Amino acid sequence: MSTTRRKGQQTQTSPTPSSGNVAYIDFDSWAGAVKRQMLDALRKRGTR
């Protein structure tokens, strides 16, 4: 039982860092896109 638990923990710890990295990159790009969209919207509003 303890071996299974240990194995499960190891498997869970492995994908966490990689997926975390991907999430961070996605969040950064997403935040950048949102900022661009907001700036564009503000510019359009100002011009209009």
Protein backbone atom coordinates (compact mmCIF):
# COMPACT_ATOMS: atom_id res chain seq x y z
CA MET A 1 0.00 0.00 0.00
CA SER A 2 2.73 2.47 0.91
CA THR A 3 4.54 1.66 -2.36
CA THR A 4 1.41 2.48 -4.37
CA ARG A 5 0.97 5.73 -2.50
CA ARG A 6 4.59 6.65 -3.03
CA LYS A 7 4.33 5.83 -6.74
CA GLY A 8 1.17 7.90 -7.07
CA GLN A 9 2.83 10.87 -5.41
CA GLN A 10 5.83 10.61 -7.72
CA THR A 11 3.60 10.48 -10.79
CA GLN A 12 1.62 13.46 -9.55
CA THR A 13 4.73 15.51 -8.79
CA SER A 14 6.24 14.92 -12.25
CA PRO A 15 3.50 16.47 -14.43
CA THR A 16 2.81 19.32 -12.01
CA PRO A 17 5.94 21.39 -12.85
CA SER A 18 5.60 20.97 -16.62
CA SER A 19 1.89 21.81 -16.61
CA GLY A 20 2.61 24.72 -14.28
CA ASN A 21 5.18 26.07 -16.74
CA VAL A 22 2.73 25.75 -19.62
CA ALA A 23 0.02 27.45 -17.56
CA TYR A 24 2.36 30.35 -16.77
CA ILE A 25 3.28 30.79 -20.44
CA ASP A 26 -0.38 30.58 -21.47
CA PHE A 27 -1.35 33.09 -18.80
CA ASP A 28 1.38 35.51 -19.90
CA SER A 29 0.36 35.37 -23.56
CA TRP A 30 -3.32 35.55 -22.59
CA ALA A 31 -2.71 38.59 -20.37
CA GLY A 32 -0.80 40.25 -23.21
CA ALA A 33 -3.66 39.61 -25.64
CA VAL A 34 -6.21 40.97 -23.16
CA LYS A 35 -4.11 44.09 -22.59
CA ARG A 36 -3.85 44.64 -26.35
CA GLN A 37 -7.58 44.19 -26.78
CA MET A 38 -8.31 46.62 -23.92
CA LEU A 39 -5.92 49.20 -25.37
CA ASP A 40 -7.50 48.80 -28.81
CA ALA A 41 -10.98 49.19 -27.32
CA LEU A 42 -9.91 52.33 -25.46
CA ARG A 43 -8.36 53.76 -28.64
CA LYS A 44 -11.51 53.00 -30.64
CA ARG A 45 -13.64 54.61 -27.95
CA GLY A 46 -11.42 57.66 -27.87
CA THR A 47 -11.47 57.99 -31.67
CA ARG A 48 -15.21 57.44 -31.78
